[in-house]
Amino acid sequence: MTVKNNVVALLVMVLVFVGCKDKQGYSKVKKEVTTTISSSDSHKIVVKELIPAGTYAYLNVEENNKTYWMAVPNTKIVVGDTYYYDGGMMMKSFESKQLKRTFDEIIFAEGIRTSPTSEKVVKPKAHSHKETKQVEVAKLSKENGQLYLNQILSNTKKYANKKVEFTGVVIKVNKQIMKKNWIHIVDGSEFGGVKSLTVTTDQLAKVGDTVTVVGKLILDKDFGYGYVYDVLLENAKIKKN
């Protein structure tokens, strides 16, 4: 699966601020990931106001005669100085409990820099679920007609946009990202080095649980922000075995 690591970090950063609140609106902000990011892909800002908030900082900045708020990891920032950043994620009606303040719009960015170009930005590798600490699971015994992961991945077009039932062991759970729980499931089979199926669901399971999930198989799912999955079992229902 292709998940850009810097985008995941940005999503985690937003979740830290939000505290997993459900009623927030998101807007896409263009983000280009290249080996060298030119000024045409970056934002040039002047810091007008700085509010430190622990490990993060809120900045009121000016860009092209327009002022707006943004939040970045806290670092040495000087009011009046010029900085640059790439991409970002906009959140509307964001409430900061720490500041006891609601921002109509605020942009979350991974950081700001003093240089207009970033020479060491490298395109992240595709996420292929070859986790170094992934739990090894022996190939499960399944009932007749139940699909194995290698059968799904070797013939994705056959199952695309269809309801798929899959049984496996939960190896990873990410709660409430983009209002869904993200669960990674293995059954001991693999295809092309991919060992797990990613599932989105409103339900929860624990790492180590053996579950059967039923959902719609989606190909090339793009959530925006460069957040793309080649294969995803979406809006699944979980049955614990």
C-alpha atoms as a PDB file:
ATOM      1  CA  MET A   1       0.000   0.000   0.000  1.00  0.00           C
ATOM      2  CA  THR A   2       1.228   3.505  -0.714  1.00  0.00           C
ATOM      3  CA  VAL A   3       1.086   5.764   2.332  1.00  0.00           C
ATOM      4  CA  LYS A   4       3.314   8.801   2.440  1.00  0.00           C
ATOM      5  CA  ASN A   5       5.068   8.779   5.787  1.00  0.00           C
ATOM      6  CA  ASN A   6       5.211  12.525   6.174  1.00  0.00           C
ATOM      7  CA  VAL A   7       1.454  12.729   5.655  1.00  0.00           C
ATOM      8  CA  VAL A   8       0.865  10.122   8.332  1.00  0.00           C
ATOM      9  CA  ALA A   9       3.005  12.203  10.690  1.00  0.00           C
ATOM     10  CA  LEU A  10       0.916  15.254   9.826  1.00  0.00           C
ATOM     11  CA  LEU A  11      -2.308  13.381  10.510  1.00  0.00           C
ATOM     12  CA  VAL A  12      -0.963  12.211  13.862  1.00  0.00           C
ATOM     13  CA  MET A  13      -0.001  15.788  14.690  1.00  0.00           C
ATOM     14  CA  VAL A  14      -3.538  16.946  13.935  1.00  0.00           C
ATOM     15  CA  LEU A  15      -4.975  14.163  16.077  1.00  0.00           C
ATOM     16  CA  VAL A  16      -2.798  15.259  18.989  1.00  0.00           C
ATOM     17  CA  PHE A  17      -4.285  18.751  18.723  1.00  0.00           C
ATOM     18  CA  VAL A  18      -7.823  17.551  18.161  1.00  0.00           C
ATOM     19  CA  GLY A  19      -7.874  14.882  20.840  1.00  0.00           C
ATOM     20  CA  CYS A  20      -9.849  12.626  18.493  1.00  0.00           C
ATOM     21  CA  LYS A  21     -12.811  15.029  18.291  1.00  0.00           C
ATOM     22  CA  ASP A  22     -15.416  14.006  15.737  1.00  0.00           C
ATOM     23  CA  LYS A  23     -16.907  17.287  14.519  1.00  0.00           C
ATOM     24  CA  GLN A  24     -14.079  18.907  12.611  1.00  0.00           C
ATOM     25  CA  GLY A  25     -14.017  19.866   8.915  1.00  0.00           C
ATOM     26  CA  TYR A  26     -10.971  19.269   6.773  1.00  0.00           C
ATOM     27  CA  SER A  27      -9.847  20.926   3.556  1.00  0.00           C
ATOM     28  CA  LYS A  28      -7.103  19.829   1.244  1.00  0.00           C
ATOM     29  CA  VAL A  29      -3.991  21.984   0.924  1.00  0.00           C
ATOM     30  CA  LYS A  30      -1.761  21.166  -2.034  1.00  0.00           C
ATOM     31  CA  LYS A  31       1.349  19.210  -1.100  1.00  0.00           C
ATOM     32  CA  GLU A  32       4.029  18.232  -3.564  1.00  0.00           C
ATOM     33  CA  VAL A  33       6.675  15.702  -2.564  1.00  0.00           C
ATOM     34  CA  THR A  34       9.783  15.839  -4.749  1.00  0.00           C
ATOM     35  CA  THR A  35      13.502  15.412  -4.312  1.00  0.00           C
ATOM     36  CA  THR A  36      13.934  19.189  -4.417  1.00  0.00           C
ATOM     37  CA  ILE A  37      11.048  21.455  -3.492  1.00  0.00           C
ATOM     38  CA  SER A  38      11.153  24.759  -5.345  1.00  0.00           C
ATOM     39  CA  SER A  39       9.682  28.047  -4.209  1.00  0.00           C
ATOM     40  CA  SER A  40       6.665  27.464  -6.462  1.00  0.00           C
ATOM     41  CA  ASP A  41       5.714  24.485  -4.276  1.00  0.00           C
ATOM     42  CA  SER A  42       6.315  26.171  -0.936  1.00  0.00           C
ATOM     43  CA  HIS A  43       4.829  28.987   1.121  1.00  0.00           C
ATOM     44  CA  LYS A  44       6.724  32.130   2.072  1.00  0.00           C
ATOM     45  CA  ILE A  45       5.431  33.662   5.295  1.00  0.00           C
ATOM     46  CA  VAL A  46       6.267  36.399   7.785  1.00  0.00           C
ATOM     47  CA  VAL A  47       5.484  35.619  11.422  1.00  0.00           C
ATOM     48  CA  LYS A  48       3.286  38.331  12.942  1.00  0.00           C
ATOM     49  CA  GLU A  49       2.461  36.672  16.253  1.00  0.00           C
ATOM     50  CA  LEU A  50       3.755  33.660  18.169  1.00  0.00           C
ATOM     51  CA  ILE A  51       1.924  31.720  20.881  1.00  0.00           C
ATOM     52  CA  PRO A  52       4.008  28.873  22.364  1.00  0.00           C
ATOM     53  CA  ALA A  53       1.944  25.881  23.474  1.00  0.00           C
ATOM     54  CA  GLY A  54       4.228  23.202  24.863  1.00  0.00           C
ATOM     55  CA  THR A  55       5.709  21.093  22.096  1.00  0.00           C
ATOM     56  CA  TYR A  56       3.786  23.073  19.474  1.00  0.00           C
ATOM     57  CA  ALA A  57       3.462  26.725  18.508  1.00  0.00           C
ATOM     58  CA  TYR A  58       0.598  28.737  17.083  1.00  0.00           C
ATOM     59  CA  LEU A  59       1.644  31.344  14.525  1.00  0.00           C
ATOM     60  CA  ASN A  60      -0.230  34.231  12.985  1.00  0.00           C
ATOM     61  CA  VAL A  61       1.488  34.684   9.639  1.00  0.00           C
ATOM     62  CA  GLU A  62       1.246  36.835   6.528  1.00  0.00           C
ATOM     63  CA  GLU A  63       1.514  35.461   3.007  1.00  0.00           C
ATOM     64  CA  ASN A  64       0.825  37.531  -0.113  1.00  0.00           C
ATOM     65  CA  ASN A  65      -0.884  40.244   1.970  1.00  0.00           C
ATOM     66  CA  LYS A  66      -3.149  37.676   3.607  1.00  0.00           C
ATOM     67  CA  THR A  67      -2.920  36.721   7.285  1.00  0.00           C
ATOM     68  CA  TYR A  68      -3.862  33.352   8.740  1.00  0.00           C
ATOM     69  CA  TRP A  69      -3.091  31.049  11.664  1.00  0.00           C
ATOM     70  CA  MET A  70      -1.005  27.923  11.551  1.00  0.00           C
ATOM     71  CA  ALA A  71       0.364  25.382  14.026  1.00  0.00           C
ATOM     72  CA  VAL A  72       3.800  23.766  13.847  1.00  0.00           C
ATOM     73  CA  PRO A  73       6.129  21.796  16.134  1.00  0.00           C
ATOM     74  CA  ASN A  74       7.739  24.275  18.511  1.00  0.00           C
ATOM     75  CA  THR A  75      11.201  25.488  17.565  1.00  0.00           C
ATOM     76  CA  LYS A  76      13.127  28.760  17.642  1.00  0.00           C
ATOM     77  CA  ILE A  77      10.838  31.222  15.868  1.00  0.00           C
ATOM     78  CA  VAL A  78      11.341  34.990  15.742  1.00  0.00           C
ATOM     79  CA  VAL A  79       8.402  37.337  15.249  1.00  0.00           C
ATOM     80  CA  GLY A  80       9.011  39.490  12.172  1.00  0.00           C
ATOM     81  CA  ASP A  81      11.273  36.967  10.460  1.00  0.00           C
ATOM     82  CA  THR A  82      10.540  35.258   7.146  1.00  0.00           C
ATOM     83  CA  TYR A  83      10.041  31.484   6.978  1.00  0.00           C
ATOM     84  CA  TYR A  84       9.002  28.838   4.472  1.00  0.00           C
ATOM     85  CA  TYR A  85       6.944  25.655   4.671  1.00  0.00           C
ATOM     86  CA  ASP A  86       5.531  23.028   2.311  1.00  0.00           C
ATOM     87  CA  GLY A  87       1.999  21.708   1.998  1.00  0.00           C
ATOM     88  CA  GLY A  88      -0.050  21.547   5.159  1.00  0.00           C
ATOM     89  CA  MET A  89      -3.530  20.538   6.236  1.00  0.00           C
ATOM     90  CA  MET A  90      -6.315  23.024   6.908  1.00  0.00           C
ATOM     91  CA  MET A  91      -8.802  22.485   9.706  1.00  0.00           C
ATOM     92  CA  LYS A  92     -11.934  24.567  10.124  1.00  0.00           C
ATOM     93  CA  SER A  93     -13.568  25.587  13.422  1.00  0.00           C
ATOM     94  CA  PHE A  94     -10.654  24.207  15.414  1.00  0.00           C
ATOM     95  CA  GLU A  95     -10.989  24.569  19.182  1.00  0.00           C
ATOM     96  CA  SER A  96      -7.781  24.775  21.208  1.00  0.00           C
ATOM     97  CA  LYS A  97      -8.598  23.765  24.750  1.00  0.00           C
ATOM     98  CA  GLN A  98      -5.127  24.806  25.836  1.00  0.00           C
ATOM     99  CA  LEU A  99      -5.602  28.359  24.543  1.00  0.00           C
ATOM    100  CA  LYS A 100      -9.361  28.372  25.209  1.00  0.00           C
ATOM    101  CA  ARG A 101      -9.838  29.699  21.713  1.00  0.00           C
ATOM    102  CA  THR A 102     -11.522  28.620  18.496  1.00  0.00           C
ATOM    103  CA  PHE A 103      -9.826  29.276  15.159  1.00  0.00           C
ATOM    104  CA  ASP A 104     -12.116  29.667  12.137  1.00  0.00           C
ATOM    105  CA  GLU A 105      -9.360  28.164  10.001  1.00  0.00           C
ATOM    106  CA  ILE A 106      -5.892  26.950  10.905  1.00  0.00           C
ATOM    107  CA  ILE A 107      -3.205  25.199   8.892  1.00  0.00           C
ATOM    108  CA  PHE A 108      -1.163  22.388  10.432  1.00  0.00           C
ATOM    109  CA  ALA A 109       2.315  21.970   8.953  1.00  0.00           C
ATOM    110  CA  GLU A 110       5.176  19.604   9.714  1.00  0.00           C
ATOM    111  CA  GLY A 111       7.531  22.512  10.315  1.00  0.00           C
ATOM    112  CA  ILE A 112       8.905  25.785   8.997  1.00  0.00           C
ATOM    113  CA  ARG A 113      12.386  26.645   7.769  1.00  0.00           C
ATOM    114  CA  THR A 114      14.451  29.739   7.027  1.00  0.00           C
ATOM    115  CA  SER A 115      15.593  28.540   3.583  1.00  0.00           C
ATOM    116  CA  PRO A 116      13.326  28.894   0.520  1.00  0.00           C
ATOM    117  CA  THR A 117      14.307  25.439  -0.731  1.00  0.00           C
ATOM    118  CA  SER A 118      14.595  22.060   0.926  1.00  0.00           C
ATOM    119  CA  GLU A 119      17.273  19.992  -0.782  1.00  0.00           C
ATOM    120  CA  LYS A 120      16.900  16.857   1.306  1.00  0.00           C
ATOM    121  CA  VAL A 121      13.240  16.113   0.912  1.00  0.00           C
ATOM    122  CA  VAL A 122      13.079  12.597  -0.484  1.00  0.00           C
ATOM    123  CA  LYS A 123      10.014  10.903  -1.836  1.00  0.00           C
ATOM    124  CA  PRO A 124       8.875   8.406   0.815  1.00  0.00           C
ATOM    125  CA  LYS A 125       8.914   4.730  -0.035  1.00  0.00           C
ATOM    126  CA  ALA A 126       5.633   3.011  -0.668  1.00  0.00           C
ATOM    127  CA  HIS A 127       4.217   1.249   2.369  1.00  0.00           C
ATOM    128  CA  SER A 128       4.147  -2.433   1.497  1.00  0.00           C
ATOM    129  CA  HIS A 129       3.343  -3.835   4.934  1.00  0.00           C
ATOM    130  CA  LYS A 130       6.800  -5.357   5.290  1.00  0.00           C
ATOM    131  CA  GLU A 131       6.957  -4.096   8.869  1.00  0.00           C
ATOM    132  CA  THR A 132      10.146  -5.138  10.619  1.00  0.00           C
ATOM    133  CA  LYS A 133       8.207  -5.993  13.777  1.00  0.00           C
ATOM    134  CA  GLN A 134       5.189  -7.518  12.073  1.00  0.00           C
ATOM    135  CA  VAL A 135       3.755 -10.535  13.866  1.00  0.00           C
ATOM    136  CA  GLU A 136       4.366 -13.741  11.950  1.00  0.00           C
ATOM    137  CA  VAL A 137       1.195 -15.811  11.614  1.00  0.00           C
ATOM    138  CA  ALA A 138       1.012 -19.342  10.277  1.00  0.00           C
ATOM    139  CA  LYS A 139      -1.335 -19.778   7.333  1.00  0.00           C
ATOM    140  CA  LEU A 140      -4.833 -20.025   8.742  1.00  0.00           C
ATOM    141  CA  SER A 141      -7.142 -22.896   7.945  1.00  0.00           C
ATOM    142  CA  LYS A 142     -10.298 -21.503   6.344  1.00  0.00           C
ATOM    143  CA  GLU A 143     -13.660 -22.883   5.350  1.00  0.00           C
ATOM    144  CA  ASN A 144     -14.358 -23.704   1.724  1.00  0.00           C
ATOM    145  CA  GLY A 145     -14.982 -20.566  -0.276  1.00  0.00           C
ATOM    146  CA  GLN A 146     -13.229 -18.205   2.144  1.00  0.00           C
ATOM    147  CA  LEU A 147     -10.607 -16.080   0.457  1.00  0.00           C
ATOM    148  CA  TYR A 148      -6.933 -15.870   1.349  1.00  0.00           C
ATOM    149  CA  LEU A 149      -5.063 -12.593   1.038  1.00  0.00           C
ATOM    150  CA  ASN A 150      -2.941 -13.853  -1.850  1.00  0.00           C
ATOM    151  CA  GLN A 151      -6.116 -14.731  -3.781  1.00  0.00           C
ATOM    152  CA  ILE A 152      -7.471 -11.210  -3.317  1.00  0.00           C
ATOM    153  CA  LEU A 153      -4.263  -9.382  -4.172  1.00  0.00           C
ATOM    154  CA  SER A 154      -3.439 -11.536  -7.185  1.00  0.00           C
ATOM    155  CA  ASN A 155      -6.814 -10.798  -8.760  1.00  0.00           C
ATOM    156  CA  THR A 156      -7.909  -7.425  -7.394  1.00  0.00           C
ATOM    157  CA  LYS A 157      -9.955  -6.474 -10.473  1.00  0.00           C
ATOM    158  CA  LYS A 158     -12.173  -9.506  -9.938  1.00  0.00           C
ATOM    159  CA  TYR A 159     -13.101  -8.377  -6.433  1.00  0.00           C
ATOM    160  CA  ALA A 160     -13.014  -4.601  -6.933  1.00  0.00           C
ATOM    161  CA  ASN A 161     -16.142  -2.785  -5.690  1.00  0.00           C
ATOM    162  CA  LYS A 162     -17.593  -6.066  -4.430  1.00  0.00           C
ATOM    163  CA  LYS A 163     -18.372  -7.288  -0.942  1.00  0.00           C
ATOM    164  CA  VAL A 164     -15.470  -9.382   0.334  1.00  0.00           C
ATOM    165  CA  GLU A 165     -15.300 -11.551   3.450  1.00  0.00           C
ATOM    166  CA  PHE A 166     -11.863 -12.049   4.960  1.00  0.00           C
ATOM    167  CA  THR A 167     -10.693 -13.883   8.079  1.00  0.00           C
ATOM    168  CA  GLY A 168      -7.375 -13.223   9.758  1.00  0.00           C
ATOM    169  CA  VAL A 169      -5.435 -12.101  12.804  1.00  0.00           C
ATOM    170  CA  VAL A 170      -5.265  -8.435  13.817  1.00  0.00           C
ATOM    171  CA  ILE A 171      -1.668  -7.168  13.941  1.00  0.00           C
ATOM    172  CA  LYS A 172      -2.184  -3.409  14.146  1.00  0.00           C
ATOM    173  CA  VAL A 173      -4.944  -0.968  15.111  1.00  0.00           C
ATOM    174  CA  ASN A 174      -5.010   2.811  14.544  1.00  0.00           C
ATOM    175  CA  LYS A 175      -8.030   4.410  16.188  1.00  0.00           C
ATOM    176  CA  GLN A 176     -10.075   7.305  14.842  1.00  0.00           C
ATOM    177  CA  ILE A 177      -8.004   8.508  11.910  1.00  0.00           C
ATOM    178  CA  MET A 178     -10.289  10.447   9.573  1.00  0.00           C
ATOM    179  CA  LYS A 179     -13.206   9.232  11.724  1.00  0.00           C
ATOM    180  CA  LYS A 180     -12.432   5.558  11.085  1.00  0.00           C
ATOM    181  CA  ASN A 181     -10.546   2.805  12.870  1.00  0.00           C
ATOM    182  CA  TRP A 182      -7.798   1.344  10.672  1.00  0.00           C
ATOM    183  CA  ILE A 183      -7.097  -2.340  11.248  1.00  0.00           C
ATOM    184  CA  HIS A 184      -4.385  -4.449   9.622  1.00  0.00           C
ATOM    185  CA  ILE A 185      -5.150  -8.164   9.300  1.00  0.00           C
ATOM    186  CA  VAL A 186      -3.024 -11.124   8.193  1.00  0.00           C
ATOM    187  CA  ASP A 187      -3.862 -14.732   7.393  1.00  0.00           C
ATOM    188  CA  GLY A 188      -0.386 -16.148   6.801  1.00  0.00           C
ATOM    189  CA  SER A 189      -0.488 -15.759   3.028  1.00  0.00           C
ATOM    190  CA  GLU A 190       1.104 -12.998   0.978  1.00  0.00           C
ATOM    191  CA  PHE A 191       1.389 -11.661  -2.547  1.00  0.00           C
ATOM    192  CA  GLY A 192       4.235  -9.568  -3.896  1.00  0.00           C
ATOM    193  CA  GLY A 193       5.621  -9.108  -0.401  1.00  0.00           C
ATOM    194  CA  VAL A 194       2.328  -7.724   0.931  1.00  0.00           C
ATOM    195  CA  LYS A 195       1.238  -9.675   3.994  1.00  0.00           C
ATOM    196  CA  SER A 196      -1.687  -7.712   5.424  1.00  0.00           C
ATOM    197  CA  LEU A 197      -5.044  -6.309   4.398  1.00  0.00           C
ATOM    198  CA  THR A 198      -5.988  -2.839   5.608  1.00  0.00           C
ATOM    199  CA  VAL A 199      -9.556  -2.409   6.800  1.00  0.00           C
ATOM    200  CA  THR A 200     -11.528   0.694   7.785  1.00  0.00           C
ATOM    201  CA  THR A 201     -14.383   0.240  10.222  1.00  0.00           C
ATOM    202  CA  ASP A 202     -16.465   1.892  12.922  1.00  0.00           C
ATOM    203  CA  GLN A 203     -15.845  -1.117  15.146  1.00  0.00           C
ATOM    204  CA  LEU A 204     -12.802  -2.094  17.171  1.00  0.00           C
ATOM    205  CA  ALA A 205     -10.696  -5.208  17.591  1.00  0.00           C
ATOM    206  CA  LYS A 206      -7.554  -5.898  19.588  1.00  0.00           C
ATOM    207  CA  VAL A 207      -4.151  -6.945  18.328  1.00  0.00           C
ATOM    208  CA  GLY A 208      -4.083 -10.738  18.416  1.00  0.00           C
ATOM    209  CA  ASP A 209      -7.825 -11.169  17.809  1.00  0.00           C
ATOM    210  CA  THR A 210      -8.916 -13.534  15.072  1.00  0.00           C
ATOM    211  CA  VAL A 211     -11.723 -11.804  13.217  1.00  0.00           C
ATOM    212  CA  THR A 212     -13.852 -12.085  10.127  1.00  0.00           C
ATOM    213  CA  VAL A 213     -14.459  -8.797   8.342  1.00  0.00           C
ATOM    214  CA  VAL A 214     -16.948  -8.073   5.585  1.00  0.00           C
ATOM    215  CA  GLY A 215     -16.623  -4.927   3.507  1.00  0.00           C
ATOM    216  CA  LYS A 216     -16.339  -3.434   0.042  1.00  0.00           C
ATOM    217  CA  LEU A 217     -12.969  -3.885  -1.655  1.00  0.00           C
ATOM    218  CA  ILE A 218     -11.762  -0.554  -3.045  1.00  0.00           C
ATOM    219  CA  LEU A 219      -8.763  -0.026  -5.336  1.00  0.00           C
ATOM    220  CA  ASP A 220      -6.546   3.082  -5.459  1.00  0.00           C
ATOM    221  CA  LYS A 221      -8.422   4.841  -2.667  1.00  0.00           C
ATOM    222  CA  ASP A 222      -7.278   8.466  -2.436  1.00  0.00           C
ATOM    223  CA  PHE A 223      -8.159  10.318   0.765  1.00  0.00           C
ATOM    224  CA  GLY A 224      -6.368  13.479  -0.305  1.00  0.00           C
ATOM    225  CA  TYR A 225      -3.212  14.892   1.288  1.00  0.00           C
ATOM    226  CA  GLY A 226      -1.279  12.271  -0.740  1.00  0.00           C
ATOM    227  CA  TYR A 227      -2.846   9.562   1.424  1.00  0.00           C
ATOM    228  CA  VAL A 228      -3.470   6.651  -0.979  1.00  0.00           C
ATOM    229  CA  TYR A 229      -4.143   2.922  -0.605  1.00  0.00           C
ATOM    230  CA  ASP A 230      -3.808   0.488  -3.501  1.00  0.00           C
ATOM    231  CA  VAL A 231      -6.232  -1.959  -1.864  1.00  0.00           C
ATOM    232  CA  LEU A 232      -8.598  -1.220   1.005  1.00  0.00           C
ATOM    233  CA  LEU A 233     -11.501  -3.075   2.585  1.00  0.00           C
ATOM    234  CA  GLU A 234     -13.782  -0.165   3.354  1.00  0.00           C
ATOM    235  CA  ASN A 235     -16.536   0.335   5.959  1.00  0.00           C
ATOM    236  CA  ALA A 236     -16.188  -3.250   7.113  1.00  0.00           C
ATOM    237  CA  LYS A 237     -18.225  -5.051   9.737  1.00  0.00           C
ATOM    238  CA  ILE A 238     -16.308  -7.219  12.197  1.00  0.00           C
ATOM    239  CA  LYS A 239     -17.213 -10.615  13.564  1.00  0.00           C
ATOM    240  CA  LYS A 240     -14.888 -12.016  16.230  1.00  0.00           C
ATOM    241  CA  ASN A 241     -14.220 -15.732  15.847  1.00  0.00           C
END
